[in-house]
Amino acid sequence: MAGYRDTSNYEPFSKGDYGRPLRPFNTWQWLGAGIIVAGILVVLAAFVSKLGWLPPEVAKWLTSGTSLCIIGILFVNSRRETLSAEETDKRRRQALIGAGIGAAICAVGAVLILYFKGA
Protein backbone atom coordinates (compact mmCIF):
# COMPACT_ATOMS: atom_id res chain seq x y z
CA MET A 1 0.00 0.00 0.00
CA ALA A 2 2.61 2.47 -1.02
CA GLY A 3 1.34 6.00 -1.08
CA TYR A 4 -1.66 5.35 1.18
CA ARG A 5 -2.49 8.28 3.43
CA ASP A 6 -5.39 8.47 5.84
CA THR A 7 -7.11 11.80 5.30
CA SER A 8 -10.30 11.15 7.27
CA ASN A 9 -8.93 12.61 10.55
CA TYR A 10 -10.70 9.81 12.39
CA GLU A 11 -9.40 9.31 15.92
CA PRO A 12 -10.98 6.28 17.62
CA PHE A 13 -9.83 7.26 21.13
CA SER A 14 -10.70 10.95 21.03
CA LYS A 15 -13.10 12.33 23.59
CA GLY A 16 -15.97 14.59 22.68
CA ASP A 17 -16.16 18.22 23.68
CA TYR A 18 -18.85 18.45 26.31
CA GLY A 19 -20.56 21.41 27.89
CA ARG A 20 -22.84 21.69 30.88
CA PRO A 21 -25.00 18.81 32.14
CA LEU A 22 -28.05 18.13 29.97
CA ARG A 23 -31.37 19.41 31.14
CA PRO A 24 -33.94 18.34 32.20
CA PHE A 25 -32.22 16.05 34.66
CA ASN A 26 -32.98 12.36 34.47
CA THR A 27 -33.34 10.10 37.51
CA TRP A 28 -29.60 9.49 37.87
CA GLN A 29 -28.79 13.19 37.73
CA TRP A 30 -31.38 13.96 40.41
CA LEU A 31 -29.89 11.18 42.53
CA GLY A 32 -26.51 12.86 42.10
CA ALA A 33 -27.96 16.22 43.13
CA GLY A 34 -29.36 14.60 46.28
CA ILE A 35 -25.99 13.01 47.05
CA ILE A 36 -24.29 16.41 46.63
CA VAL A 37 -26.75 18.02 49.05
CA ALA A 38 -26.16 15.21 51.56
CA GLY A 39 -22.38 15.67 51.19
CA ILE A 40 -22.66 19.41 51.78
CA LEU A 41 -24.74 18.80 54.90
CA VAL A 42 -22.16 16.33 56.21
CA VAL A 43 -19.33 18.83 55.57
CA LEU A 44 -21.28 21.57 57.35
CA ALA A 45 -21.93 19.25 60.30
CA ALA A 46 -18.21 18.48 60.50
CA PHE A 47 -17.36 22.19 60.59
CA VAL A 48 -20.05 22.87 63.19
CA SER A 49 -18.65 20.08 65.36
CA LYS A 50 -15.25 21.80 65.22
CA LEU A 51 -16.98 24.82 66.79
CA GLY A 52 -18.21 22.60 69.62
CA TRP A 53 -21.90 22.68 68.74
CA LEU A 54 -21.99 18.96 67.88
CA PRO A 55 -20.11 15.98 69.35
CA PRO A 56 -16.42 15.86 68.35
CA GLU A 57 -16.86 12.50 66.60
CA VAL A 58 -18.81 14.25 63.84
CA ALA A 59 -15.65 16.14 62.82
CA LYS A 60 -14.25 12.86 61.47
CA TRP A 61 -16.97 12.81 58.80
CA LEU A 62 -15.34 15.55 56.71
CA THR A 63 -13.72 13.13 54.27
CA SER A 64 -17.00 11.23 53.88
CA GLY A 65 -18.80 14.45 53.02
CA THR A 66 -16.29 15.43 50.36
CA SER A 67 -16.44 11.92 48.92
CA LEU A 68 -20.22 12.16 48.71
CA CYS A 69 -19.92 15.46 46.82
CA ILE A 70 -17.51 13.94 44.30
CA ILE A 71 -19.74 10.90 43.76
CA GLY A 72 -22.75 13.17 43.28
CA ILE A 73 -20.89 15.24 40.70
CA LEU A 74 -20.15 12.07 38.74
CA PHE A 75 -23.87 11.26 38.64
CA VAL A 76 -24.88 14.80 37.61
CA ASN A 77 -22.26 14.90 34.85
CA SER A 78 -23.29 11.53 33.44
CA ARG A 79 -25.13 13.30 30.58
CA ARG A 80 -23.55 16.39 29.04
CA GLU A 81 -24.21 18.62 26.02
CA THR A 82 -22.03 18.33 22.96
CA LEU A 83 -20.40 21.64 22.04
CA SER A 84 -20.13 23.08 18.56
CA ALA A 85 -16.77 23.84 16.94
CA GLU A 86 -17.08 27.57 17.72
CA GLU A 87 -17.82 26.92 21.39
CA THR A 88 -14.89 24.48 21.57
CA ASP A 89 -12.51 27.06 20.11
CA LYS A 90 -13.79 29.68 22.53
CA ARG A 91 -13.24 27.37 25.53
CA ARG A 92 -9.78 26.41 24.29
CA ARG A 93 -8.84 30.08 23.96
CA GLN A 94 -10.18 30.83 27.45
CA ALA A 95 -8.25 27.89 28.88
CA LEU A 96 -5.01 29.06 27.27
CA ILE A 97 -5.51 32.59 28.59
CA GLY A 98 -6.25 31.23 32.06
CA ALA A 99 -3.19 28.98 31.96
CA GLY A 100 -1.02 31.92 30.88
CA ILE A 101 -2.33 34.10 33.70
CA GLY A 102 -1.83 31.26 36.19
CA ALA A 103 1.73 30.69 34.99
CA ALA A 104 2.48 34.41 35.32
CA ILE A 105 1.10 34.45 38.87
CA CYS A 106 3.18 31.38 39.78
CA ALA A 107 6.31 32.98 38.32
CA VAL A 108 5.73 36.21 40.27
CA GLY A 109 5.10 34.17 43.42
CA ALA A 110 8.30 32.18 42.94
CA VAL A 111 10.32 35.36 42.38
CA LEU A 112 8.84 36.93 45.52
CA ILE A 113 9.55 33.83 47.58
CA LEU A 114 13.14 33.70 46.37
CA TYR A 115 13.57 37.45 46.93
CA PHE A 116 12.25 37.44 50.49
CA LYS A 117 14.06 34.20 51.40
CA GLY A 118 17.33 35.85 50.43
CA ALA A 119 18.32 33.06 48.06
C-alpha atoms as a PDB file:
ATOM      1  CA  MET A   1       0.000   0.000   0.000  1.00  0.00           C
ATOM      2  CA  ALA A   2       2.611   2.472  -1.018  1.00  0.00           C
ATOM      3  CA  GLY A   3       1.336   5.997  -1.081  1.00  0.00           C
ATOM      4  CA  TYR A   4      -1.658   5.349   1.183  1.00  0.00           C
ATOM      5  CA  ARG A   5      -2.487   8.278   3.428  1.00  0.00           C
ATOM      6  CA  ASP A   6      -5.391   8.466   5.840  1.00  0.00           C
ATOM      7  CA  THR A   7      -7.112  11.798   5.299  1.00  0.00           C
ATOM      8  CA  SER A   8     -10.301  11.150   7.269  1.00  0.00           C
ATOM      9  CA  ASN A   9      -8.932  12.608  10.553  1.00  0.00           C
ATOM     10  CA  TYR A  10     -10.700   9.808  12.387  1.00  0.00           C
ATOM     11  CA  GLU A  11      -9.399   9.306  15.924  1.00  0.00           C
ATOM     12  CA  PRO A  12     -10.983   6.280  17.621  1.00  0.00           C
ATOM     13  CA  PHE A  13      -9.834   7.261  21.127  1.00  0.00           C
ATOM     14  CA  SER A  14     -10.705  10.952  21.026  1.00  0.00           C
ATOM     15  CA  LYS A  15     -13.102  12.333  23.589  1.00  0.00           C
ATOM     16  CA  GLY A  16     -15.970  14.592  22.680  1.00  0.00           C
ATOM     17  CA  ASP A  17     -16.157  18.217  23.680  1.00  0.00           C
ATOM     18  CA  TYR A  18     -18.849  18.446  26.306  1.00  0.00           C
ATOM     19  CA  GLY A  19     -20.560  21.414  27.888  1.00  0.00           C
ATOM     20  CA  ARG A  20     -22.843  21.690  30.884  1.00  0.00           C
ATOM     21  CA  PRO A  21     -25.005  18.810  32.137  1.00  0.00           C
ATOM     22  CA  LEU A  22     -28.045  18.128  29.972  1.00  0.00           C
ATOM     23  CA  ARG A  23     -31.372  19.410  31.140  1.00  0.00           C
ATOM     24  CA  PRO A  24     -33.939  18.336  32.195  1.00  0.00           C
ATOM     25  CA  PHE A  25     -32.225  16.047  34.662  1.00  0.00           C
ATOM     26  CA  ASN A  26     -32.981  12.363  34.465  1.00  0.00           C
ATOM     27  CA  THR A  27     -33.338  10.101  37.509  1.00  0.00           C
ATOM     28  CA  TRP A  28     -29.599   9.490  37.874  1.00  0.00           C
ATOM     29  CA  GLN A  29     -28.787  13.187  37.733  1.00  0.00           C
ATOM     30  CA  TRP A  30     -31.382  13.961  40.412  1.00  0.00           C
ATOM     31  CA  LEU A  31     -29.894  11.180  42.529  1.00  0.00           C
ATOM     32  CA  GLY A  32     -26.508  12.862  42.098  1.00  0.00           C
ATOM     33  CA  ALA A  33     -27.965  16.224  43.127  1.00  0.00           C
ATOM     34  CA  GLY A  34     -29.358  14.605  46.276  1.00  0.00           C
ATOM     35  CA  ILE A  35     -25.989  13.008  47.052  1.00  0.00           C
ATOM     36  CA  ILE A  36     -24.286  16.406  46.634  1.00  0.00           C
ATOM     37  CA  VAL A  37     -26.753  18.020  49.055  1.00  0.00           C
ATOM     38  CA  ALA A  38     -26.156  15.208  51.559  1.00  0.00           C
ATOM     39  CA  GLY A  39     -22.383  15.670  51.189  1.00  0.00           C
ATOM     40  CA  ILE A  40     -22.655  19.411  51.777  1.00  0.00           C
ATOM     41  CA  LEU A  41     -24.743  18.805  54.901  1.00  0.00           C
ATOM     42  CA  VAL A  42     -22.157  16.331  56.212  1.00  0.00           C
ATOM     43  CA  VAL A  43     -19.332  18.828  55.567  1.00  0.00           C
ATOM     44  CA  LEU A  44     -21.276  21.571  57.353  1.00  0.00           C
ATOM     45  CA  ALA A  45     -21.927  19.246  60.295  1.00  0.00           C
ATOM     46  CA  ALA A  46     -18.208  18.477  60.495  1.00  0.00           C
ATOM     47  CA  PHE A  47     -17.358  22.192  60.588  1.00  0.00           C
ATOM     48  CA  VAL A  48     -20.052  22.868  63.189  1.00  0.00           C
ATOM     49  CA  SER A  49     -18.650  20.077  65.359  1.00  0.00           C
ATOM     50  CA  LYS A  50     -15.246  21.799  65.222  1.00  0.00           C
ATOM     51  CA  LEU A  51     -16.978  24.818  66.787  1.00  0.00           C
ATOM     52  CA  GLY A  52     -18.209  22.599  69.616  1.00  0.00           C
ATOM     53  CA  TRP A  53     -21.899  22.679  68.739  1.00  0.00           C
ATOM     54  CA  LEU A  54     -21.995  18.955  67.876  1.00  0.00           C
ATOM     55  CA  PRO A  55     -20.109  15.985  69.350  1.00  0.00           C
ATOM     56  CA  PRO A  56     -16.415  15.858  68.355  1.00  0.00           C
ATOM     57  CA  GLU A  57     -16.859  12.496  66.601  1.00  0.00           C
ATOM     58  CA  VAL A  58     -18.812  14.253  63.845  1.00  0.00           C
ATOM     59  CA  ALA A  59     -15.651  16.142  62.820  1.00  0.00           C
ATOM     60  CA  LYS A  60     -14.250  12.862  61.472  1.00  0.00           C
ATOM     61  CA  TRP A  61     -16.968  12.811  58.804  1.00  0.00           C
ATOM     62  CA  LEU A  62     -15.343  15.546  56.711  1.00  0.00           C
ATOM     63  CA  THR A  63     -13.719  13.128  54.269  1.00  0.00           C
ATOM     64  CA  SER A  64     -17.002  11.226  53.879  1.00  0.00           C
ATOM     65  CA  GLY A  65     -18.804  14.454  53.024  1.00  0.00           C
ATOM     66  CA  THR A  66     -16.287  15.434  50.364  1.00  0.00           C
ATOM     67  CA  SER A  67     -16.438  11.919  48.918  1.00  0.00           C
ATOM     68  CA  LEU A  68     -20.224  12.164  48.712  1.00  0.00           C
ATOM     69  CA  CYS A  69     -19.921  15.463  46.825  1.00  0.00           C
ATOM     70  CA  ILE A  70     -17.510  13.940  44.304  1.00  0.00           C
ATOM     71  CA  ILE A  71     -19.739  10.899  43.759  1.00  0.00           C
ATOM     72  CA  GLY A  72     -22.753  13.168  43.282  1.00  0.00           C
ATOM     73  CA  ILE A  73     -20.891  15.242  40.700  1.00  0.00           C
ATOM     74  CA  LEU A  74     -20.153  12.067  38.743  1.00  0.00           C
ATOM     75  CA  PHE A  75     -23.869  11.261  38.636  1.00  0.00           C
ATOM     76  CA  VAL A  76     -24.881  14.799  37.609  1.00  0.00           C
ATOM     77  CA  ASN A  77     -22.263  14.904  34.852  1.00  0.00           C
ATOM     78  CA  SER A  78     -23.285  11.531  33.439  1.00  0.00           C
ATOM     79  CA  ARG A  79     -25.126  13.299  30.578  1.00  0.00           C
ATOM     80  CA  ARG A  80     -23.551  16.386  29.038  1.00  0.00           C
ATOM     81  CA  GLU A  81     -24.214  18.616  26.025  1.00  0.00           C
ATOM     82  CA  THR A  82     -22.033  18.331  22.958  1.00  0.00           C
ATOM     83  CA  LEU A  83     -20.397  21.645  22.038  1.00  0.00           C
ATOM     84  CA  SER A  84     -20.132  23.077  18.560  1.00  0.00           C
ATOM     85  CA  ALA A  85     -16.767  23.839  16.941  1.00  0.00           C
ATOM     86  CA  GLU A  86     -17.079  27.570  17.725  1.00  0.00           C
ATOM     87  CA  GLU A  87     -17.815  26.917  21.393  1.00  0.00           C
ATOM     88  CA  THR A  88     -14.894  24.476  21.571  1.00  0.00           C
ATOM     89  CA  ASP A  89     -12.515  27.060  20.110  1.00  0.00           C
ATOM     90  CA  LYS A  90     -13.791  29.683  22.534  1.00  0.00           C
ATOM     91  CA  ARG A  91     -13.244  27.368  25.525  1.00  0.00           C
ATOM     92  CA  ARG A  92      -9.782  26.410  24.294  1.00  0.00           C
ATOM     93  CA  ARG A  93      -8.841  30.082  23.962  1.00  0.00           C
ATOM     94  CA  GLN A  94     -10.178  30.835  27.452  1.00  0.00           C
ATOM     95  CA  ALA A  95      -8.252  27.888  28.883  1.00  0.00           C
ATOM     96  CA  LEU A  96      -5.007  29.059  27.272  1.00  0.00           C
ATOM     97  CA  ILE A  97      -5.512  32.586  28.587  1.00  0.00           C
ATOM     98  CA  GLY A  98      -6.246  31.227  32.056  1.00  0.00           C
ATOM     99  CA  ALA A  99      -3.193  28.980  31.957  1.00  0.00           C
ATOM    100  CA  GLY A 100      -1.021  31.923  30.885  1.00  0.00           C
ATOM    101  CA  ILE A 101      -2.334  34.098  33.703  1.00  0.00           C
ATOM    102  CA  GLY A 102      -1.828  31.260  36.186  1.00  0.00           C
ATOM    103  CA  ALA A 103       1.726  30.691  34.986  1.00  0.00           C
ATOM    104  CA  ALA A 104       2.476  34.406  35.320  1.00  0.00           C
ATOM    105  CA  ILE A 105       1.096  34.448  38.872  1.00  0.00           C
ATOM    106  CA  CYS A 106       3.176  31.381  39.777  1.00  0.00           C
ATOM    107  CA  ALA A 107       6.309  32.981  38.318  1.00  0.00           C
ATOM    108  CA  VAL A 108       5.734  36.209  40.268  1.00  0.00           C
ATOM    109  CA  GLY A 109       5.098  34.170  43.424  1.00  0.00           C
ATOM    110  CA  ALA A 110       8.305  32.177  42.937  1.00  0.00           C
ATOM    111  CA  VAL A 111      10.320  35.362  42.383  1.00  0.00           C
ATOM    112  CA  LEU A 112       8.837  36.931  45.517  1.00  0.00           C
ATOM    113  CA  ILE A 113       9.555  33.833  47.581  1.00  0.00           C
ATOM    114  CA  LEU A 114      13.143  33.703  46.371  1.00  0.00           C
ATOM    115  CA  TYR A 115      13.570  37.448  46.932  1.00  0.00           C
ATOM    116  CA  PHE A 116      12.246  37.442  50.489  1.00  0.00           C
ATOM    117  CA  LYS A 117      14.056  34.204  51.398  1.00  0.00           C
ATOM    118  CA  GLY A 118      17.334  35.851  50.425  1.00  0.00           C
ATOM    119  CA  ALA A 119      18.318  33.064  48.060  1.00  0.00           C
END
